[in-house]
Amino acid sequence: MGQTALQVHGEGLGAAGVGGYEADDYRGATTAARFGDPQAELSALRNGCGVYDLGFRAKISLTGGDRVRWLNGMVTNNIRDLGVGRGVYAFLLNPQGHILGDFFAYNRGESITVDTDCGQTEKILATFDHYIIMDDVEVTNLNEQITALGTYGPNAPSVLTGAGFAIPEMQPLQVQSSVWHGIACTLVRGEDEKNISYEIWIASASVRQLWDALIAGGASPVGTEALELQRIVSGIPTYGVDIRERDLPQETEQARALNFNKGCYVGQEIVERIRSRGAVHRKFTGFVADGAAQIRSGMKVVAGEKEVGEITSAAFLQFAEKTVALGYIRREVGVPGREVMIGTTRATVASLPFEDAALLSESSLAQHRA
């Protein structure tokens, strides 16, 4: 389990002049679940700038002359053609095509940095070890050396600038070495092109100083409960919650993780067989219901008195006065706009991300209320 800002600094983030917090376990680490009202923290992410502990993300370094060729033969995305300073999202599969884990891989020039949840670290390290035979690849767990903070929201660039960072023009999943007040760190642009976010990877000893500077620069402290709300609104699945080992890559609808021109890798035969035979029978999608509906993970989705899917994540959005959920549904039924039942709640199938849908638009809600 990695060291979060809470664990490294004793009194932790709540001592940074921002009031108390409630801690909880999240994705394999202990961190702040909330600093106040998660719905208000969600508003900071959507309309201002939120700062949050990313100590639940683990960093693994791959070095050695065979690292690119070897990792390219392990994952579903293209590592071979990944430029220096660029990253991709990928699945790690078993030979039967089932998903063992997911992560981002960044080409750092002389190394590759794998970024995943702390809860996945043990399995990923064991899988890597199993497949390194005669390859010149060295795997190093960086978790005791590096932690990270995240910033998210339209004001994130100005907050970082105010805290003393020189923010270059960066593309999504671009990574760049930086120096902040004499401290070496790494700046990463988030994957979402529409919603601006940055990660700052930094030595554990300096993370409290960075946290204080970002708060002083205008960021609002955000816990994992609000991060989960924003994750669900963005339609992003989490491994172990929305993506399980029994799921096949195409069922998850995460085309961003797949490359069909990269050559052989573990599990490729199954992925290619699915593609050649056509679509899988079910798909990952969204659901929307009015008000604070009683929708929870594990509930079944029913259409025409027939069970057609299940819920994996759900959240009530106070700003929209709606409940949104993620889950799987039979492909022939999962058409946006189709009405289904989830328990006793009537819901509508929705395309992802939810924030692209007019029914969750804050401006449209304001017009409706007026």
Protein backbone atom coordinates (compact mmCIF):
# COMPACT_ATOMS: atom_id res chain seq x y z
CA MET A 1 0.00 0.00 0.00
CA GLY A 2 1.43 3.38 -0.97
CA GLN A 3 2.01 6.36 1.27
CA THR A 4 -0.64 9.00 0.80
CA ALA A 5 -0.29 12.62 1.84
CA LEU A 6 -2.35 11.71 4.91
CA GLN A 7 0.01 8.94 5.98
CA VAL A 8 3.20 10.85 5.26
CA HIS A 9 2.30 13.92 7.25
CA GLY A 10 0.65 12.63 10.40
CA GLU A 11 -2.03 15.26 10.96
CA GLY A 12 -2.29 15.25 7.21
CA LEU A 13 -4.21 17.38 4.78
CA GLY A 14 -6.75 18.50 7.35
CA ALA A 15 -3.98 20.46 9.07
CA ALA A 16 -3.31 22.53 5.97
CA GLY A 17 -5.64 25.31 7.03
CA VAL A 18 -8.68 23.74 5.38
CA GLY A 19 -10.51 22.20 8.33
CA GLY A 20 -11.00 18.56 9.16
CA TYR A 21 -11.54 15.60 6.91
CA GLU A 22 -12.91 12.09 7.06
CA ALA A 23 -10.48 9.38 6.00
CA ASP A 24 -11.32 6.09 4.32
CA ASP A 25 -9.74 3.33 2.26
CA TYR A 26 -9.89 4.00 -1.47
CA ARG A 27 -8.39 1.89 -4.26
CA GLY A 28 -5.87 0.27 -1.95
CA ALA A 29 -4.79 3.30 0.12
CA THR A 30 -6.04 5.47 2.96
CA THR A 31 -6.90 9.05 2.08
CA ALA A 32 -9.47 11.81 2.62
CA ALA A 33 -13.00 10.76 1.72
CA ARG A 34 -14.40 14.25 2.27
CA PHE A 35 -13.45 17.65 3.66
CA GLY A 36 -17.04 18.87 3.88
CA ASP A 37 -20.00 18.38 1.54
CA PRO A 38 -19.05 16.08 -1.39
CA GLN A 39 -21.62 17.81 -3.60
CA ALA A 40 -19.92 21.17 -2.96
CA GLU A 41 -16.57 19.55 -3.66
CA LEU A 42 -17.98 18.21 -6.93
CA SER A 43 -18.98 21.78 -7.82
CA ALA A 44 -15.38 22.89 -7.24
CA LEU A 45 -14.19 20.22 -9.70
CA ARG A 46 -16.73 21.24 -12.32
CA ASN A 47 -16.65 25.02 -11.94
CA GLY A 48 -13.38 25.99 -10.26
CA CYS A 49 -10.40 23.91 -9.25
CA GLY A 50 -10.22 21.00 -6.85
CA VAL A 51 -7.01 19.57 -5.40
CA TYR A 52 -6.88 15.99 -4.14
CA ASP A 53 -4.53 13.34 -2.87
CA LEU A 54 -3.43 10.83 -5.52
CA GLY A 55 -1.53 8.61 -3.12
CA PHE A 56 -3.90 5.79 -4.12
CA ARG A 57 -2.10 5.67 -7.46
CA ALA A 58 1.04 3.49 -7.62
CA LYS A 59 4.06 4.08 -9.85
CA ILE A 60 6.12 1.22 -11.33
CA SER A 61 9.28 1.85 -13.35
CA LEU A 62 10.40 -0.40 -16.20
CA THR A 63 14.01 -0.11 -17.35
CA GLY A 64 16.33 -2.24 -19.48
CA GLY A 65 16.93 -2.58 -23.21
CA ASP A 66 13.90 -4.83 -23.83
CA ARG A 67 11.36 -2.78 -21.87
CA VAL A 68 9.48 -1.35 -24.89
CA ARG A 69 9.32 -4.59 -26.87
CA TRP A 70 8.40 -6.60 -23.76
CA LEU A 71 5.63 -4.31 -22.50
CA ASN A 72 4.22 -3.99 -26.02
CA GLY A 73 3.81 -7.77 -25.99
CA MET A 74 2.00 -7.63 -22.65
CA VAL A 75 -0.75 -5.03 -23.10
CA THR A 76 -3.61 -4.13 -25.44
CA ASN A 77 -2.31 -0.72 -26.56
CA ASN A 78 0.66 0.37 -28.65
CA ILE A 79 3.81 0.92 -26.57
CA ARG A 80 6.22 0.41 -29.46
CA ASP A 81 5.26 3.67 -31.20
CA LEU A 82 4.73 5.72 -28.04
CA GLY A 83 6.77 8.93 -28.28
CA VAL A 84 8.92 10.20 -25.44
CA GLY A 85 6.80 12.16 -23.00
CA ARG A 86 3.55 10.51 -24.11
CA GLY A 87 1.23 8.05 -22.41
CA VAL A 88 -1.52 5.55 -23.23
CA TYR A 89 -4.22 3.68 -21.33
CA ALA A 90 -4.07 -0.11 -21.64
CA PHE A 91 -5.44 -3.40 -20.34
CA LEU A 92 -3.36 -6.29 -19.06
CA LEU A 93 -5.02 -9.56 -20.13
CA ASN A 94 -4.66 -13.24 -19.39
CA PRO A 95 -4.37 -15.71 -22.32
CA GLN A 96 -8.17 -16.16 -22.27
CA GLY A 97 -8.64 -12.44 -22.96
CA HIS A 98 -9.97 -11.54 -19.53
CA ILE A 99 -8.82 -8.31 -17.90
CA LEU A 100 -6.22 -8.70 -15.14
CA GLY A 101 -5.78 -4.96 -14.64
CA ASP A 102 -5.56 -1.56 -16.26
CA PHE A 103 -3.00 1.23 -16.16
CA PHE A 104 -1.43 4.18 -17.93
CA ALA A 105 2.04 3.69 -19.42
CA TYR A 106 4.27 6.72 -20.01
CA ASN A 107 7.43 6.76 -22.12
CA ARG A 108 10.02 8.64 -20.03
CA GLY A 109 12.88 8.15 -22.47
CA GLU A 110 15.19 5.88 -20.50
CA SER A 111 12.29 4.17 -18.71
CA ILE A 112 8.56 3.49 -18.84
CA THR A 113 6.41 4.54 -15.90
CA VAL A 114 3.33 2.42 -15.23
CA ASP A 115 0.63 4.26 -13.26
CA THR A 116 -2.15 2.19 -11.66
CA ASP A 117 -4.25 1.88 -8.50
CA CYS A 118 -2.46 0.73 -5.36
CA GLY A 119 -5.02 -2.06 -5.10
CA GLN A 120 -3.78 -3.51 -8.40
CA THR A 121 -0.05 -3.25 -7.71
CA GLU A 122 0.49 -6.73 -6.29
CA LYS A 123 -1.29 -8.50 -9.17
CA ILE A 124 0.42 -6.41 -11.85
CA LEU A 125 3.87 -6.91 -10.34
CA ALA A 126 3.25 -10.67 -10.08
CA THR A 127 2.08 -10.83 -13.71
CA PHE A 128 5.10 -8.86 -14.88
CA ASP A 129 7.41 -11.16 -12.94
CA HIS A 130 5.75 -14.24 -14.44
CA TYR A 131 6.37 -13.08 -18.02
CA ILE A 132 9.91 -11.72 -17.66
CA ILE A 133 12.04 -14.73 -18.62
CA MET A 134 15.16 -13.94 -20.66
CA ASP A 135 14.21 -10.29 -21.22
CA ASP A 136 16.37 -7.34 -20.24
CA VAL A 137 13.67 -5.69 -18.13
CA GLU A 138 13.98 -4.46 -14.56
CA VAL A 139 10.82 -3.68 -12.59
CA THR A 140 10.98 -1.19 -9.69
CA ASN A 141 8.11 -0.26 -7.39
CA LEU A 142 8.37 3.51 -6.85
CA ASN A 143 5.58 3.75 -4.31
CA GLU A 144 7.82 4.53 -1.35
CA GLN A 145 9.58 7.28 -3.31
CA ILE A 146 6.86 9.11 -5.21
CA THR A 147 3.36 10.26 -4.39
CA ALA A 148 1.10 12.66 -6.29
CA LEU A 149 -1.53 15.36 -6.07
CA GLY A 150 -4.18 16.11 -8.67
CA THR A 151 -5.88 19.31 -9.79
CA TYR A 152 -9.09 19.31 -11.81
CA GLY A 153 -11.34 22.02 -13.17
CA PRO A 154 -11.38 25.02 -15.52
CA ASN A 155 -9.25 27.06 -13.11
CA ALA A 156 -6.54 24.38 -12.73
CA PRO A 157 -4.00 26.14 -15.00
CA SER A 158 -4.31 29.45 -13.14
CA VAL A 159 -4.07 27.71 -9.76
CA LEU A 160 -0.90 25.91 -10.81
CA THR A 161 0.55 29.15 -12.18
CA GLY A 162 -0.33 30.93 -8.94
CA ALA A 163 1.40 28.18 -6.97
CA GLY A 164 4.62 28.75 -8.91
CA PHE A 165 4.45 26.33 -11.84
CA ALA A 166 5.32 27.29 -15.39
CA ILE A 167 2.55 25.52 -17.32
CA PRO A 168 3.59 24.58 -20.85
CA GLU A 169 1.22 23.70 -23.67
CA MET A 170 0.50 20.01 -23.08
CA GLN A 171 -1.62 17.44 -24.87
CA PRO A 172 -3.73 14.85 -23.00
CA LEU A 173 -1.54 12.14 -21.44
CA GLN A 174 1.61 14.16 -22.01
CA VAL A 175 4.19 13.94 -19.22
CA GLN A 176 7.01 16.39 -18.58
CA SER A 177 9.75 16.76 -15.98
CA SER A 178 9.52 20.02 -14.04
CA VAL A 179 11.12 21.91 -11.16
CA TRP A 180 8.97 23.65 -8.56
CA HIS A 181 10.74 25.90 -6.05
CA GLY A 182 13.87 23.87 -6.56
CA ILE A 183 12.05 20.53 -6.11
CA ALA A 184 12.14 18.03 -8.97
CA CYS A 185 8.69 16.81 -9.95
CA THR A 186 6.70 15.54 -12.92
CA LEU A 187 3.71 17.26 -14.50
CA VAL A 188 1.09 15.12 -16.30
CA ARG A 189 -1.85 16.41 -18.34
CA GLY A 190 -5.04 14.41 -17.73
CA GLU A 191 -6.60 12.20 -20.39
CA ASP A 192 -9.84 14.19 -20.80
CA GLU A 193 -9.39 16.90 -23.43
CA LYS A 194 -12.56 18.78 -22.47
CA ASN A 195 -12.13 18.79 -18.69
CA ILE A 196 -8.74 20.17 -17.68
CA SER A 197 -6.74 18.25 -15.10
CA TYR A 198 -3.11 17.86 -14.10
CA GLU A 199 -1.21 15.48 -11.89
CA ILE A 200 1.95 16.47 -10.05
CA TRP A 201 4.21 13.53 -9.16
CA ILE A 202 6.54 14.53 -6.37
CA ALA A 203 8.70 13.07 -3.60
CA SER A 204 6.67 12.19 -0.52
CA ALA A 205 8.69 14.58 1.64
CA SER A 206 7.54 17.58 -0.42
CA VAL A 207 3.86 16.80 -0.96
CA ARG A 208 2.59 18.75 2.05
CA GLN A 209 4.41 21.88 0.87
CA LEU A 210 2.81 21.44 -2.55
CA TRP A 211 -0.65 20.89 -1.05
CA ASP A 212 -0.39 24.13 0.96
CA ALA A 213 0.74 26.07 -2.12
CA LEU A 214 -2.16 24.81 -4.25
CA ILE A 215 -4.67 25.67 -1.53
CA ALA A 216 -3.12 29.14 -1.21
CA GLY A 217 -3.36 29.45 -5.00
CA GLY A 218 -7.15 29.05 -4.90
CA ALA A 219 -7.78 25.30 -5.12
CA SER A 220 -10.50 23.72 -3.00
CA PRO A 221 -9.68 20.50 -1.11
CA VAL A 222 -11.57 17.53 -2.54
CA GLY A 223 -12.00 14.02 -1.17
CA THR A 224 -12.57 10.72 -2.89
CA GLU A 225 -16.37 10.84 -2.54
CA ALA A 226 -16.47 13.85 -4.88
CA LEU A 227 -13.89 12.23 -7.14
CA GLU A 228 -16.21 9.25 -7.44
CA LEU A 229 -19.13 11.52 -8.37
CA GLN A 230 -17.07 13.17 -11.11
CA ARG A 231 -15.74 9.80 -12.29
CA ILE A 232 -19.28 8.50 -12.74
CA VAL A 233 -20.46 11.68 -14.47
CA SER A 234 -17.51 11.28 -16.85
CA GLY A 235 -18.46 7.64 -17.53
CA ILE A 236 -15.03 6.31 -16.54
CA PRO A 237 -15.01 2.71 -15.27
CA THR A 238 -12.80 1.63 -12.36
CA TYR A 239 -11.07 -1.73 -12.34
CA GLY A 240 -12.44 -3.93 -9.57
CA VAL A 241 -15.75 -2.03 -9.58
CA ASP A 242 -16.97 -1.54 -13.16
CA ILE A 243 -14.34 -3.68 -14.87
CA ARG A 244 -13.85 -7.17 -13.47
CA GLU A 245 -11.63 -10.06 -14.45
CA ARG A 246 -14.62 -11.85 -15.99
CA ASP A 247 -15.19 -8.97 -18.44
CA LEU A 248 -13.83 -8.96 -21.98
CA PRO A 249 -12.16 -5.80 -23.37
CA GLN A 250 -14.82 -4.96 -25.97
CA GLU A 251 -17.61 -5.30 -23.39
CA THR A 252 -16.15 -2.37 -21.46
CA GLU A 253 -16.54 0.02 -24.43
CA GLN A 254 -13.03 1.36 -23.69
CA ALA A 255 -11.77 1.63 -27.26
CA ARG A 256 -9.04 3.97 -25.95
CA ALA A 257 -7.35 0.90 -24.43
CA LEU A 258 -7.18 -1.11 -27.67
CA ASN A 259 -4.91 -1.00 -30.69
CA PHE A 260 -5.50 -3.46 -33.52
CA ASN A 261 -2.31 -2.74 -35.49
CA LYS A 262 0.38 -3.25 -32.85
CA GLY A 263 1.26 -6.93 -33.24
CA CYS A 264 1.02 -9.83 -30.82
CA TYR A 265 0.31 -9.58 -27.09
CA VAL A 266 -1.06 -11.80 -24.35
CA GLY A 267 -4.78 -12.34 -24.95
CA GLN A 268 -4.73 -10.86 -28.46
CA GLU A 269 -6.26 -13.96 -30.07
CA ILE A 270 -9.49 -13.54 -28.10
CA VAL A 271 -9.67 -9.79 -28.76
CA GLU A 272 -9.19 -10.35 -32.49
CA ARG A 273 -11.70 -13.19 -32.55
CA ILE A 274 -14.33 -10.94 -30.97
CA ARG A 275 -13.60 -8.21 -33.52
CA SER A 276 -13.78 -10.58 -36.50
CA ARG A 277 -17.07 -12.12 -35.37
CA GLY A 278 -18.73 -8.82 -34.62
CA ALA A 279 -19.89 -7.09 -31.46
CA VAL A 280 -20.07 -8.76 -28.06
CA HIS A 281 -23.48 -9.45 -26.54
CA ARG A 282 -23.36 -6.80 -23.83
CA LYS A 283 -21.81 -3.39 -23.36
CA PHE A 284 -20.88 -0.86 -20.69
CA THR A 285 -23.28 2.09 -20.63
CA GLY A 286 -25.03 4.70 -18.50
CA PHE A 287 -28.42 5.01 -16.84
CA VAL A 288 -30.29 8.11 -15.62
CA ALA A 289 -33.22 8.39 -13.19
CA ASP A 290 -35.00 11.39 -11.71
CA GLY A 291 -34.28 12.47 -8.15
CA ALA A 292 -32.37 10.59 -5.47
CA ALA A 293 -33.34 7.14 -6.72
CA GLN A 294 -32.55 3.95 -4.81
CA ILE A 295 -30.02 2.59 -7.30
CA ARG A 296 -26.99 0.70 -6.01
CA SER A 297 -24.17 -1.44 -7.33
CA GLY A 298 -25.25 -5.02 -7.97
CA MET A 299 -28.87 -4.21 -8.81
CA LYS A 300 -30.29 -5.85 -11.93
CA VAL A 301 -31.55 -3.98 -14.98
CA VAL A 302 -34.87 -5.23 -16.35
CA ALA A 303 -36.57 -4.54 -19.69
CA GLY A 304 -39.86 -6.14 -20.69
CA GLU A 305 -39.81 -8.27 -17.51
CA LYS A 306 -36.50 -9.77 -18.63
CA GLU A 307 -33.18 -9.28 -16.83
CA VAL A 308 -30.86 -7.53 -19.31
CA GLY A 309 -28.03 -6.06 -17.24
CA GLU A 310 -26.60 -4.98 -13.92
CA ILE A 311 -25.42 -1.81 -12.18
CA THR A 312 -21.77 -1.39 -11.15
CA SER A 313 -21.66 2.23 -9.88
CA ALA A 314 -24.27 4.87 -9.00
CA ALA A 315 -24.35 8.46 -7.75
CA PHE A 316 -26.88 11.18 -6.94
CA LEU A 317 -26.08 14.52 -8.56
CA GLN A 318 -27.55 17.33 -6.53
CA PHE A 319 -26.89 19.97 -9.20
CA ALA A 320 -28.93 17.99 -11.75
CA GLU A 321 -31.47 16.49 -9.34
CA LYS A 322 -30.86 13.13 -10.97
CA THR A 323 -29.28 9.78 -10.17
CA VAL A 324 -26.79 8.44 -12.68
CA ALA A 325 -25.40 4.92 -12.83
CA LEU A 326 -22.88 2.85 -14.76
CA GLY A 327 -23.30 -0.77 -15.69
CA TYR A 328 -23.69 -3.41 -18.35
CA ILE A 329 -26.68 -4.13 -20.59
CA ARG A 330 -27.53 -6.47 -23.45
CA ARG A 331 -26.40 -4.71 -26.60
CA GLU A 332 -29.72 -5.07 -28.41
CA VAL A 333 -31.50 -3.35 -25.52
CA GLY A 334 -28.87 -0.73 -24.68
CA VAL A 335 -30.07 2.01 -27.00
CA PRO A 336 -29.89 5.55 -25.56
CA GLY A 337 -33.36 6.65 -24.56
CA ARG A 338 -34.63 3.12 -23.88
CA GLU A 339 -36.62 2.88 -20.63
CA VAL A 340 -35.65 0.15 -18.16
CA MET A 341 -36.39 -0.75 -14.55
CA ILE A 342 -33.70 -0.88 -11.87
CA GLY A 343 -35.37 -2.33 -8.81
CA THR A 344 -38.53 -0.24 -8.46
CA THR A 345 -36.99 2.75 -10.26
CA ARG A 346 -37.75 3.71 -13.83
CA ALA A 347 -34.54 4.76 -15.59
CA THR A 348 -33.34 5.63 -19.08
CA VAL A 349 -30.32 4.24 -20.91
CA ALA A 350 -27.87 7.08 -21.64
CA SER A 351 -24.72 7.44 -23.69
CA LEU A 352 -21.45 8.21 -21.94
CA PRO A 353 -20.12 10.54 -20.70
CA PHE A 354 -23.22 11.88 -18.99
CA GLU A 355 -21.92 15.44 -19.08
CA ASP A 356 -22.27 15.39 -22.87
CA ALA A 357 -25.99 14.69 -22.51
CA ALA A 358 -28.40 17.64 -22.53
CA LEU A 359 -30.37 16.14 -19.65
CA LEU A 360 -27.41 16.80 -17.32
CA SER A 361 -26.59 20.25 -18.65
CA GLU A 362 -26.58 22.79 -15.83
CA SER A 363 -27.53 25.54 -18.29
CA SER A 364 -30.52 23.56 -19.53
CA LEU A 365 -31.56 22.89 -15.95
CA ALA A 366 -31.37 26.60 -15.18
CA GLN A 367 -33.57 27.37 -18.17
CA HIS A 368 -36.02 24.66 -17.09
CA ARG A 369 -36.28 26.10 -13.57
CA ALA A 370 -36.73 29.62 -14.92
